[in-house]
Amino acid sequence: MFAVIKTGGKQYKVAAGDQIEVEKLDGDAGATLTFDSVLMVSGDDGLKVGAPLIEGASVAGEIVGQKRTRKIIIFKKRRRKSSRRRNGHRQPLTVVRITDINLGAAA
């Protein structure tokens, strides 16, 4: 059984026991989360696609930890102007372990 959820402007295909990295969510390690934006569920009774969401379906997860990605460098240079700019960015992420997929009224 798997589900497609939407969080942080992105879509993730998840199953029970999966560990995913999503855009930063509030909470400490060990806290539970519920993702209500379920776009699709595949189970024993076949595939169910929402329009755009599946009513009553949810995915439960547990926060494993908070982290940041590797640093990316943004370098801008204008030729012959003695103008340079160097910036760095590290995106904050939340590591989530999926514990359960609940079909709710969708079943």
PDB file of N, CA and C in Angstrom:
ATOM      1  N   MET A   1       0.844  -1.174   0.000  1.00  0.00           N
ATOM      2  CA  MET A   1       0.000   0.000   0.000  1.00  0.00           C
ATOM      3  C   MET A   1       0.888   1.235   0.000  1.00  0.00           C
ATOM      4  N   PHE A   2       0.585   2.185  -0.885  1.00  0.00           N
ATOM      5  CA  PHE A   2       1.312   3.440  -0.909  1.00  0.00           C
ATOM      6  C   PHE A   2       0.346   4.584  -1.133  1.00  0.00           C
ATOM      7  N   ALA A   3       0.844   5.802  -0.871  1.00  0.00           N
ATOM      8  CA  ALA A   3       0.031   6.996  -1.051  1.00  0.00           C
ATOM      9  C   ALA A   3       0.907   8.090  -1.633  1.00  0.00           C
ATOM     10  N   VAL A   4       0.277   9.051  -2.281  1.00  0.00           N
ATOM     11  CA  VAL A   4       0.962  10.242  -2.768  1.00  0.00           C
ATOM     12  C   VAL A   4       0.430  11.414  -1.962  1.00  0.00           C
ATOM     13  N   ILE A   5       1.350  12.089  -1.242  1.00  0.00           N
ATOM     14  CA  ILE A   5       0.960  13.219  -0.414  1.00  0.00           C
ATOM     15  C   ILE A   5       1.591  14.491  -0.953  1.00  0.00           C
ATOM     16  N   LYS A   6       1.027  15.614  -0.547  1.00  0.00           N
ATOM     17  CA  LYS A   6       1.543  16.916  -0.963  1.00  0.00           C
ATOM     18  C   LYS A   6       1.876  17.723   0.286  1.00  0.00           C
ATOM     19  N   THR A   7       3.121  18.188   0.358  1.00  0.00           N
ATOM     20  CA  THR A   7       3.544  19.042   1.458  1.00  0.00           C
ATOM     21  C   THR A   7       4.711  19.900   0.994  1.00  0.00           C
ATOM     22  N   GLY A   8       4.711  21.141   1.397  1.00  0.00           N
ATOM     23  CA  GLY A   8       5.795  22.045   1.028  1.00  0.00           C
ATOM     24  C   GLY A   8       5.852  22.340  -0.455  1.00  0.00           C
ATOM     25  N   GLY A   9       4.718  22.227  -1.162  1.00  0.00           N
ATOM     26  CA  GLY A   9       4.691  22.499  -2.588  1.00  0.00           C
ATOM     27  C   GLY A   9       5.220  21.371  -3.449  1.00  0.00           C
ATOM     28  N   LYS A  10       5.502  20.224  -2.843  1.00  0.00           N
ATOM     29  CA  LYS A  10       6.021  19.070  -3.580  1.00  0.00           C
ATOM     30  C   LYS A  10       5.156  17.852  -3.292  1.00  0.00           C
ATOM     31  N   GLN A  11       5.265  16.846  -4.162  1.00  0.00           N
ATOM     32  CA  GLN A  11       4.513  15.613  -3.990  1.00  0.00           C
ATOM     33  C   GLN A  11       5.484  14.479  -3.691  1.00  0.00           C
ATOM     34  N   TYR A  12       5.092  13.592  -2.776  1.00  0.00           N
ATOM     35  CA  TYR A  12       5.937  12.482  -2.360  1.00  0.00           C
ATOM     36  C   TYR A  12       5.141  11.190  -2.402  1.00  0.00           C
ATOM     37  N   LYS A  13       5.750  10.135  -2.951  1.00  0.00           N
ATOM     38  CA  LYS A  13       5.151   8.808  -2.929  1.00  0.00           C
ATOM     39  C   LYS A  13       5.689   8.104  -1.682  1.00  0.00           C
ATOM     40  N   VAL A  14       4.794   7.721  -0.770  1.00  0.00           N
ATOM     41  CA  VAL A  14       5.213   7.166   0.513  1.00  0.00           C
ATOM     42  C   VAL A  14       4.493   5.852   0.793  1.00  0.00           C
ATOM     43  N   ALA A  15       5.146   5.020   1.588  1.00  0.00           N
ATOM     44  CA  ALA A  15       4.570   3.789   2.104  1.00  0.00           C
ATOM     45  C   ALA A  15       4.912   3.715   3.583  1.00  0.00           C
ATOM     46  N   ALA A  16       4.237   2.853   4.311  1.00  0.00           N
ATOM     47  CA  ALA A  16       4.507   2.717   5.742  1.00  0.00           C
ATOM     48  C   ALA A  16       5.951   2.260   5.943  1.00  0.00           C
ATOM     49  N   GLY A  17       6.672   2.949   6.821  1.00  0.00           N
ATOM     50  CA  GLY A  17       8.065   2.625   7.098  1.00  0.00           C
ATOM     51  C   GLY A  17       9.061   3.454   6.313  1.00  0.00           C
ATOM     52  N   ASP A  18       8.606   4.204   5.319  1.00  0.00           N
ATOM     53  CA  ASP A  18       9.510   5.046   4.529  1.00  0.00           C
ATOM     54  C   ASP A  18       9.993   6.233   5.350  1.00  0.00           C
ATOM     55  N   GLN A  19      11.186   6.712   5.007  1.00  0.00           N
ATOM     56  CA  GLN A  19      11.743   7.907   5.635  1.00  0.00           C
ATOM     57  C   GLN A  19      11.981   8.927   4.526  1.00  0.00           C
ATOM     58  N   ILE A  20      11.355  10.109   4.648  1.00  0.00           N
ATOM     59  CA  ILE A  20      11.459  11.123   3.605  1.00  0.00           C
ATOM     60  C   ILE A  20      11.966  12.428   4.199  1.00  0.00           C
ATOM     61  N   GLU A  21      12.531  13.270   3.337  1.00  0.00           N
ATOM     62  CA  GLU A  21      12.977  14.604   3.724  1.00  0.00           C
ATOM     63  C   GLU A  21      12.056  15.616   3.060  1.00  0.00           C
ATOM     64  N   VAL A  22      11.367  16.423   3.874  1.00  0.00           N
ATOM     65  CA  VAL A  22      10.416  17.409   3.363  1.00  0.00           C
ATOM     66  C   VAL A  22      10.870  18.797   3.785  1.00  0.00           C
ATOM     67  N   GLU A  23      10.234  19.821   3.211  1.00  0.00           N
ATOM     68  CA  GLU A  23      10.508  21.194   3.626  1.00  0.00           C
ATOM     69  C   GLU A  23      10.268  21.317   5.121  1.00  0.00           C
ATOM     70  N   LYS A  24      10.948  22.242   5.756  1.00  0.00           N
ATOM     71  CA  LYS A  24      10.918  22.358   7.212  1.00  0.00           C
ATOM     72  C   LYS A  24       9.503  22.477   7.772  1.00  0.00           C
ATOM     73  N   LEU A  25       9.214  21.603   8.749  1.00  0.00           N
ATOM     74  CA  LEU A  25       7.961  21.617   9.491  1.00  0.00           C
ATOM     75  C   LEU A  25       8.280  21.829  10.961  1.00  0.00           C
ATOM     76  N   ASP A  26       7.387  22.508  11.670  1.00  0.00           N
ATOM     77  CA  ASP A  26       7.608  22.758  13.089  1.00  0.00           C
ATOM     78  C   ASP A  26       7.448  21.467  13.880  1.00  0.00           C
ATOM     79  N   GLY A  27       8.309  21.296  14.878  1.00  0.00           N
ATOM     80  CA  GLY A  27       8.220  20.140  15.761  1.00  0.00           C
ATOM     81  C   GLY A  27       9.594  19.602  16.092  1.00  0.00           C
ATOM     82  N   ASP A  28       9.663  18.913  17.213  1.00  0.00           N
ATOM     83  CA  ASP A  28      10.911  18.294  17.655  1.00  0.00           C
ATOM     84  C   ASP A  28      10.903  16.821  17.283  1.00  0.00           C
ATOM     85  N   ALA A  29      12.068  16.184  17.441  1.00  0.00           N
ATOM     86  CA  ALA A  29      12.178  14.758  17.151  1.00  0.00           C
ATOM     87  C   ALA A  29      11.238  13.977  18.068  1.00  0.00           C
ATOM     88  N   GLY A  30      10.513  13.045  17.488  1.00  0.00           N
ATOM     89  CA  GLY A  30       9.559  12.239  18.234  1.00  0.00           C
ATOM     90  C   GLY A  30       8.128  12.724  18.139  1.00  0.00           C
ATOM     91  N   ALA A  31       7.917  13.948  17.652  1.00  0.00           N
ATOM     92  CA  ALA A  31       6.558  14.476  17.512  1.00  0.00           C
ATOM     93  C   ALA A  31       5.849  13.798  16.340  1.00  0.00           C
ATOM     94  N   THR A  32       4.530  13.707  16.412  1.00  0.00           N
ATOM     95  CA  THR A  32       3.763  13.076  15.341  1.00  0.00           C
ATOM     96  C   THR A  32       3.165  14.140  14.429  1.00  0.00           C
ATOM     97  N   LEU A  33       3.041  13.788  13.170  1.00  0.00           N
ATOM     98  CA  LEU A  33       2.478  14.669  12.148  1.00  0.00           C
ATOM     99  C   LEU A  33       1.348  13.946  11.437  1.00  0.00           C
ATOM    100  N   THR A  34       0.420  14.715  10.888  1.00  0.00           N
ATOM    101  CA  THR A  34      -0.630  14.155  10.055  1.00  0.00           C
ATOM    102  C   THR A  34      -0.685  14.946   8.758  1.00  0.00           C
ATOM    103  N   PHE A  35      -0.520  14.254   7.650  1.00  0.00           N
ATOM    104  CA  PHE A  35      -0.603  14.869   6.330  1.00  0.00           C
ATOM    105  C   PHE A  35      -2.007  14.609   5.790  1.00  0.00           C
ATOM    106  N   ASP A  36      -2.801  15.671   5.650  1.00  0.00           N
ATOM    107  CA  ASP A  36      -4.177  15.530   5.182  1.00  0.00           C
ATOM    108  C   ASP A  36      -4.317  15.694   3.671  1.00  0.00           C
ATOM    109  N   SER A  37      -3.279  16.203   3.019  1.00  0.00           N
ATOM    110  CA  SER A  37      -3.332  16.418   1.571  1.00  0.00           C
ATOM    111  C   SER A  37      -2.898  15.145   0.852  1.00  0.00           C
ATOM    112  N   VAL A  38      -3.808  14.187   0.771  1.00  0.00           N
ATOM    113  CA  VAL A  38      -3.534  12.908   0.112  1.00  0.00           C
ATOM    114  C   VAL A  38      -4.125  12.972  -1.291  1.00  0.00           C
ATOM    115  N   LEU A  39      -3.270  12.820  -2.301  1.00  0.00           N
ATOM    116  CA  LEU A  39      -3.700  12.927  -3.692  1.00  0.00           C
ATOM    117  C   LEU A  39      -4.106  11.587  -4.298  1.00  0.00           C
ATOM    118  N   MET A  40      -3.457  10.499  -3.836  1.00  0.00           N
ATOM    119  CA  MET A  40      -3.724   9.183  -4.420  1.00  0.00           C
ATOM    120  C   MET A  40      -3.389   8.109  -3.407  1.00  0.00           C
ATOM    121  N   VAL A  41      -4.156   7.021  -3.414  1.00  0.00           N
ATOM    122  CA  VAL A  41      -3.900   5.884  -2.532  1.00  0.00           C
ATOM    123  C   VAL A  41      -4.027   4.614  -3.346  1.00  0.00           C
ATOM    124  N   SER A  42      -3.053   3.729  -3.171  1.00  0.00           N
ATOM    125  CA  SER A  42      -3.116   2.415  -3.791  1.00  0.00           C
ATOM    126  C   SER A  42      -3.150   1.385  -2.672  1.00  0.00           C
ATOM    127  N   GLY A  43      -4.182   0.550  -2.677  1.00  0.00           N
ATOM    128  CA  GLY A  43      -4.331  -0.446  -1.622  1.00  0.00           C
ATOM    129  C   GLY A  43      -4.737  -1.785  -2.186  1.00  0.00           C
ATOM    130  N   ASP A  44      -5.316  -2.611  -1.309  1.00  0.00           N
ATOM    131  CA  ASP A  44      -5.757  -3.938  -1.717  1.00  0.00           C
ATOM    132  C   ASP A  44      -6.926  -3.877  -2.701  1.00  0.00           C
ATOM    133  N   ASP A  45      -7.758  -2.842  -2.578  1.00  0.00           N
ATOM    134  CA  ASP A  45      -8.932  -2.727  -3.437  1.00  0.00           C
ATOM    135  C   ASP A  45      -8.671  -1.914  -4.700  1.00  0.00           C
ATOM    136  N   GLY A  46      -7.416  -1.630  -4.995  1.00  0.00           N
ATOM    137  CA  GLY A  46      -7.077  -0.926  -6.227  1.00  0.00           C
ATOM    138  C   GLY A  46      -6.599   0.489  -5.981  1.00  0.00           C
ATOM    139  N   LEU A  47      -6.618   1.266  -7.040  1.00  0.00           N
ATOM    140  CA  LEU A  47      -6.095   2.630  -7.021  1.00  0.00           C
ATOM    141  C   LEU A  47      -7.238   3.622  -6.856  1.00  0.00           C
ATOM    142  N   LYS A  48      -7.042   4.584  -5.953  1.00  0.00           N
ATOM    143  CA  LYS A  48      -8.045   5.639  -5.760  1.00  0.00           C
ATOM    144  C   LYS A  48      -7.352   6.972  -5.945  1.00  0.00           C
ATOM    145  N   VAL A  49      -7.858   7.774  -6.893  1.00  0.00           N
ATOM    146  CA  VAL A  49      -7.278   9.070  -7.213  1.00  0.00           C
ATOM    147  C   VAL A  49      -8.259  10.148  -6.791  1.00  0.00           C
ATOM    148  N   GLY A  50      -7.749  11.167  -6.103  1.00  0.00           N
ATOM    149  CA  GLY A  50      -8.589  12.261  -5.653  1.00  0.00           C
ATOM    150  C   GLY A  50      -8.784  13.305  -6.733  1.00  0.00           C
ATOM    151  N   ALA A  51      -9.754  14.177  -6.490  1.00  0.00           N
ATOM    152  CA  ALA A  51     -10.022  15.240  -7.455  1.00  0.00           C
ATOM    153  C   ALA A  51     -10.191  16.565  -6.738  1.00  0.00           C
ATOM    154  N   PRO A  52      -9.195  17.244  -6.265  1.00  0.00           N
ATOM    155  CA  PRO A  52      -7.778  16.913  -6.269  1.00  0.00           C
ATOM    156  C   PRO A  52      -7.334  16.097  -5.055  1.00  0.00           C
ATOM    157  N   LEU A  53      -8.121  16.108  -3.947  1.00  0.00           N
ATOM    158  CA  LEU A  53      -7.730  15.373  -2.747  1.00  0.00           C
ATOM    159  C   LEU A  53      -8.735  14.268  -2.452  1.00  0.00           C
ATOM    160  N   ILE A  54      -8.285  13.258  -1.692  1.00  0.00           N
ATOM    161  CA  ILE A  54      -9.161  12.182  -1.255  1.00  0.00           C
ATOM    162  C   ILE A  54      -9.727  12.585   0.105  1.00  0.00           C
ATOM    163  N   GLU A  55     -11.042  12.680   0.191  1.00  0.00           N
ATOM    164  CA  GLU A  55     -11.697  13.099   1.427  1.00  0.00           C
ATOM    165  C   GLU A  55     -11.518  12.043   2.511  1.00  0.00           C
ATOM    166  N   GLY A  56     -11.114  12.468   3.694  1.00  0.00           N
ATOM    167  CA  GLY A  56     -10.998  11.575   4.846  1.00  0.00           C
ATOM    168  C   GLY A  56      -9.709  10.789   4.925  1.00  0.00           C
ATOM    169  N   ALA A  57      -8.914  10.777   3.884  1.00  0.00           N
ATOM    170  CA  ALA A  57      -7.664  10.026   3.910  1.00  0.00           C
ATOM    171  C   ALA A  57      -6.568  10.878   4.554  1.00  0.00           C
ATOM    172  N   SER A  58      -5.669  10.213   5.266  1.00  0.00           N
ATOM    173  CA  SER A  58      -4.555  10.917   5.888  1.00  0.00           C
ATOM    174  C   SER A  58      -3.369   9.975   6.015  1.00  0.00           C
ATOM    175  N   VAL A  59      -2.209  10.570   6.185  1.00  0.00           N
ATOM    176  CA  VAL A  59      -0.974   9.805   6.367  1.00  0.00           C
ATOM    177  C   VAL A  59      -0.336  10.295   7.657  1.00  0.00           C
ATOM    178  N   ALA A  60      -0.008   9.360   8.544  1.00  0.00           N
ATOM    179  CA  ALA A  60       0.602   9.706   9.827  1.00  0.00           C
ATOM    180  C   ALA A  60       2.105   9.483   9.744  1.00  0.00           C
ATOM    181  N   GLY A  61       2.848  10.383  10.392  1.00  0.00           N
ATOM    182  CA  GLY A  61       4.293  10.282  10.394  1.00  0.00           C
ATOM    183  C   GLY A  61       4.875  10.748  11.707  1.00  0.00           C
ATOM    184  N   GLU A  62       6.149  10.443  11.897  1.00  0.00           N
ATOM    185  CA  GLU A  62       6.865  10.828  13.112  1.00  0.00           C
ATOM    186  C   GLU A  62       8.128  11.569  12.700  1.00  0.00           C
ATOM    187  N   ILE A  63       8.407  12.687  13.356  1.00  0.00           N
ATOM    188  CA  ILE A  63       9.601  13.461  13.036  1.00  0.00           C
ATOM    189  C   ILE A  63      10.818  12.742  13.597  1.00  0.00           C
ATOM    190  N   VAL A  64      11.776  12.461  12.708  1.00  0.00           N
ATOM    191  CA  VAL A  64      13.021  11.829  13.116  1.00  0.00           C
ATOM    192  C   VAL A  64      14.023  12.895  13.541  1.00  0.00           C
ATOM    193  N   GLY A  65      14.076  14.016  12.802  1.00  0.00           N
ATOM    194  CA  GLY A  65      14.993  15.088  13.149  1.00  0.00           C
ATOM    195  C   GLY A  65      14.905  16.240  12.169  1.00  0.00           C
ATOM    196  N   GLN A  66      15.620  17.312  12.497  1.00  0.00           N
ATOM    197  CA  GLN A  66      15.725  18.483  11.625  1.00  0.00           C
ATOM    198  C   GLN A  66      17.151  18.537  11.097  1.00  0.00           C
ATOM    199  N   LYS A  67      17.336  18.920   9.848  1.00  0.00           N
ATOM    200  CA  LYS A  67      18.669  19.043   9.287  1.00  0.00           C
ATOM    201  C   LYS A  67      18.684  20.095   8.194  1.00  0.00           C
ATOM    202  N   ARG A  68      19.836  20.314   7.618  1.00  0.00           N
ATOM    203  CA  ARG A  68      19.988  21.266   6.525  1.00  0.00           C
ATOM    204  C   ARG A  68      20.744  20.584   5.384  1.00  0.00           C
ATOM    205  N   THR A  69      20.441  21.009   4.152  1.00  0.00           N
ATOM    206  CA  THR A  69      21.115  20.435   2.992  1.00  0.00           C
ATOM    207  C   THR A  69      22.538  20.967   2.890  1.00  0.00           C
ATOM    208  N   ARG A  70      23.276  20.463   1.922  1.00  0.00           N
ATOM    209  CA  ARG A  70      24.619  20.982   1.706  1.00  0.00           C
ATOM    210  C   ARG A  70      24.522  22.404   1.192  1.00  0.00           C
ATOM    211  N   LYS A  71      25.569  23.172   1.407  1.00  0.00           N
ATOM    212  CA  LYS A  71      25.549  24.577   1.012  1.00  0.00           C
ATOM    213  C   LYS A  71      25.695  24.702  -0.500  1.00  0.00           C
ATOM    214  N   ILE A  72      24.858  25.535  -1.091  1.00  0.00           N
ATOM    215  CA  ILE A  72      25.029  25.878  -2.498  1.00  0.00           C
ATOM    216  C   ILE A  72      25.521  27.314  -2.571  1.00  0.00           C
ATOM    217  N   ILE A  73      26.354  27.581  -3.537  1.00  0.00           N
ATOM    218  CA  ILE A  73      26.962  28.898  -3.686  1.00  0.00           C
ATOM    219  C   ILE A  73      26.275  29.638  -4.827  1.00  0.00           C
ATOM    220  N   ILE A  74      25.871  30.869  -4.556  1.00  0.00           N
ATOM    221  CA  ILE A  74      25.302  31.747  -5.575  1.00  0.00           C
ATOM    222  C   ILE A  74      26.356  32.807  -5.856  1.00  0.00           C
ATOM    223  N   PHE A  75      26.903  32.804  -7.071  1.00  0.00           N
ATOM    224  CA  PHE A  75      27.977  33.730  -7.416  1.00  0.00           C
ATOM    225  C   PHE A  75      27.540  34.546  -8.628  1.00  0.00           C
ATOM    226  N   LYS A  76      27.526  35.868  -8.475  1.00  0.00           N
ATOM    227  CA  LYS A  76      27.141  36.763  -9.564  1.00  0.00           C
ATOM    228  C   LYS A  76      28.314  37.683  -9.858  1.00  0.00           C
ATOM    229  N   LYS A  77      28.625  37.840 -11.133  1.00  0.00           N
ATOM    230  CA  LYS A  77      29.742  38.688 -11.537  1.00  0.00           C
ATOM    231  C   LYS A  77      29.346  39.483 -12.760  1.00  0.00           C
ATOM    232  N   ARG A  78      29.690  40.758 -12.742  1.00  0.00           N
ATOM    233  CA  ARG A  78      29.465  41.609 -13.913  1.00  0.00           C
ATOM    234  C   ARG A  78      30.828  41.905 -14.520  1.00  0.00           C
ATOM    235  N   ARG A  79      30.986  41.584 -15.771  1.00  0.00           N
ATOM    236  CA  ARG A  79      32.299  41.728 -16.397  1.00  0.00           C
ATOM    237  C   ARG A  79      32.700  43.193 -16.522  1.00  0.00           C
ATOM    238  N   ARG A  80      33.960  43.416 -16.332  1.00  0.00           N
ATOM    239  CA  ARG A  80      34.592  44.735 -16.474  1.00  0.00           C
ATOM    240  C   ARG A  80      34.007  45.791 -15.528  1.00  0.00           C
ATOM    241  N   LYS A  81      33.348  45.404 -14.480  1.00  0.00           N
ATOM    242  CA  LYS A  81      32.746  46.374 -13.580  1.00  0.00           C
ATOM    243  C   LYS A  81      33.337  46.287 -12.167  1.00  0.00           C
ATOM    244  N   SER A  82      34.218  45.346 -11.932  1.00  0.00           N
ATOM    245  CA  SER A  82      34.739  45.078 -10.590  1.00  0.00           C
ATOM    246  C   SER A  82      33.597  44.833  -9.610  1.00  0.00           C
ATOM    247  N   SER A  83      32.593  44.121 -10.072  1.00  0.00           N
ATOM    248  CA  SER A  83      31.421  43.845  -9.256  1.00  0.00           C
ATOM    249  C   SER A  83      31.226  42.347  -9.136  1.00  0.00           C
ATOM    250  N   ARG A  84      31.331  41.857  -7.903  1.00  0.00           N
ATOM    251  CA  ARG A  84      31.121  40.435  -7.633  1.00  0.00           C
ATOM    252  C   ARG A  84      30.277  40.290  -6.376  1.00  0.00           C
ATOM    253  N   ARG A  85      29.471  39.260  -6.357  1.00  0.00           N
ATOM    254  CA  ARG A  85      28.680  38.960  -5.168  1.00  0.00           C
ATOM    255  C   ARG A  85      28.697  37.456  -4.958  1.00  0.00           C
ATOM    256  N   ARG A  86      28.969  37.027  -3.738  1.00  0.00           N
ATOM    257  CA  ARG A  86      29.002  35.609  -3.412  1.00  0.00           C
ATOM    258  C   ARG A  86      28.113  35.376  -2.195  1.00  0.00           C
ATOM    259  N   ASN A  87      27.087  34.554  -2.375  1.00  0.00           N
ATOM    260  CA  ASN A  87      26.183  34.198  -1.287  1.00  0.00           C
ATOM    261  C   ASN A  87      26.099  32.683  -1.193  1.00  0.00           C
ATOM    262  N   GLY A  88      25.745  32.197  -0.026  1.00  0.00           N
ATOM    263  CA  GLY A  88      25.528  30.769   0.175  1.00  0.00           C
ATOM    264  C   GLY A  88      24.141  30.538   0.750  1.00  0.00           C
ATOM    265  N   HIS A  89      23.620  29.341   0.555  1.00  0.00           N
ATOM    266  CA  HIS A  89      22.296  29.010   1.071  1.00  0.00           C
ATOM    267  C   HIS A  89      22.253  27.539   1.464  1.00  0.00           C
ATOM    268  N   ARG A  90      21.673  27.271   2.643  1.00  0.00           N
ATOM    269  CA  ARG A  90      21.419  25.903   3.091  1.00  0.00           C
ATOM    270  C   ARG A  90      19.945  25.795   3.433  1.00  0.00           C
ATOM    271  N   GLN A  91      19.235  24.925   2.733  1.00  0.00           N
ATOM    272  CA  GLN A  91      17.792  24.775   2.921  1.00  0.00           C
ATOM    273  C   GLN A  91      17.512  23.907   4.148  1.00  0.00           C
ATOM    274  N   PRO A  92      16.672  24.360   5.084  1.00  0.00           N
ATOM    275  CA  PRO A  92      16.312  23.515   6.231  1.00  0.00           C
ATOM    276  C   PRO A  92      15.306  22.441   5.823  1.00  0.00           C
ATOM    277  N   LEU A  93      15.510  21.223   6.338  1.00  0.00           N
ATOM    278  CA  LEU A  93      14.648  20.083   6.034  1.00  0.00           C
ATOM    279  C   LEU A  93      14.194  19.404   7.313  1.00  0.00           C
ATOM    280  N   THR A  94      13.107  18.685   7.220  1.00  0.00           N
ATOM    281  CA  THR A  94      12.625  17.840   8.302  1.00  0.00           C
ATOM    282  C   THR A  94      12.617  16.405   7.799  1.00  0.00           C
ATOM    283  N   VAL A  95      13.204  15.503   8.567  1.00  0.00           N
ATOM    284  CA  VAL A  95      13.215  14.081   8.225  1.00  0.00           C
ATOM    285  C   VAL A  95      12.028  13.432   8.924  1.00  0.00           C
ATOM    286  N   VAL A  96      11.153  12.799   8.138  1.00  0.00           N
ATOM    287  CA  VAL A  96       9.910  12.222   8.649  1.00  0.00           C
ATOM    288  C   VAL A  96       9.868  10.732   8.315  1.00  0.00           C
ATOM    289  N   ARG A  97       9.488   9.914   9.300  1.00  0.00           N
ATOM    290  CA  ARG A  97       9.261   8.486   9.073  1.00  0.00           C
ATOM    291  C   ARG A  97       7.759   8.263   9.014  1.00  0.00           C
ATOM    292  N   ILE A  98       7.289   7.672   7.927  1.00  0.00           N
ATOM    293  CA  ILE A  98       5.859   7.419   7.732  1.00  0.00           C
ATOM    294  C   ILE A  98       5.471   6.189   8.567  1.00  0.00           C
ATOM    295  N   THR A  99       4.452   6.364   9.411  1.00  0.00           N
ATOM    296  CA  THR A  99       4.049   5.262  10.287  1.00  0.00           C
ATOM    297  C   THR A  99       2.777   4.573   9.813  1.00  0.00           C
ATOM    298  N   ASP A 100       1.836   5.311   9.223  1.00  0.00           N
ATOM    299  CA  ASP A 100       0.555   4.691   8.887  1.00  0.00           C
ATOM    300  C   ASP A 100      -0.133   5.457   7.760  1.00  0.00           C
ATOM    301  N   ILE A 101      -0.862   4.725   6.942  1.00  0.00           N
ATOM    302  CA  ILE A 101      -1.704   5.329   5.900  1.00  0.00           C
ATOM    303  C   ILE A 101      -3.147   4.998   6.246  1.00  0.00           C
ATOM    304  N   ASN A 102      -3.952   6.047   6.487  1.00  0.00           N
ATOM    305  CA  ASN A 102      -5.329   5.875   6.915  1.00  0.00           C
ATOM    306  C   ASN A 102      -6.256   6.276   5.766  1.00  0.00           C
ATOM    307  N   LEU A 103      -7.070   5.334   5.318  1.00  0.00           N
ATOM    308  CA  LEU A 103      -7.998   5.621   4.220  1.00  0.00           C
ATOM    309  C   LEU A 103      -9.227   6.370   4.699  1.00  0.00           C
ATOM    310  N   GLY A 104      -9.603   6.216   5.953  1.00  0.00           N
ATOM    311  CA  GLY A 104     -10.762   6.930   6.505  1.00  0.00           C
ATOM    312  C   GLY A 104     -12.039   6.555   5.776  1.00  0.00           C
ATOM    313  N   ALA A 105     -12.789   7.555   5.363  1.00  0.00           N
ATOM    314  CA  ALA A 105     -14.056   7.322   4.665  1.00  0.00           C
ATOM    315  C   ALA A 105     -13.842   6.926   3.217  1.00  0.00           C
ATOM    316  N   ALA A 106     -12.598   7.004   2.734  1.00  0.00           N
ATOM    317  CA  ALA A 106     -12.321   6.688   1.329  1.00  0.00           C
ATOM    318  C   ALA A 106     -12.439   5.210   1.047  1.00  0.00           C
ATOM    319  N   ALA A 107     -12.375   4.376   2.093  1.00  0.00           N
ATOM    320  CA  ALA A 107     -12.443   2.933   1.893  1.00  0.00           C
ATOM    321  C   ALA A 107     -13.822   2.499   1.646  1.00  0.00           C
TER     322      ALA A 107
END
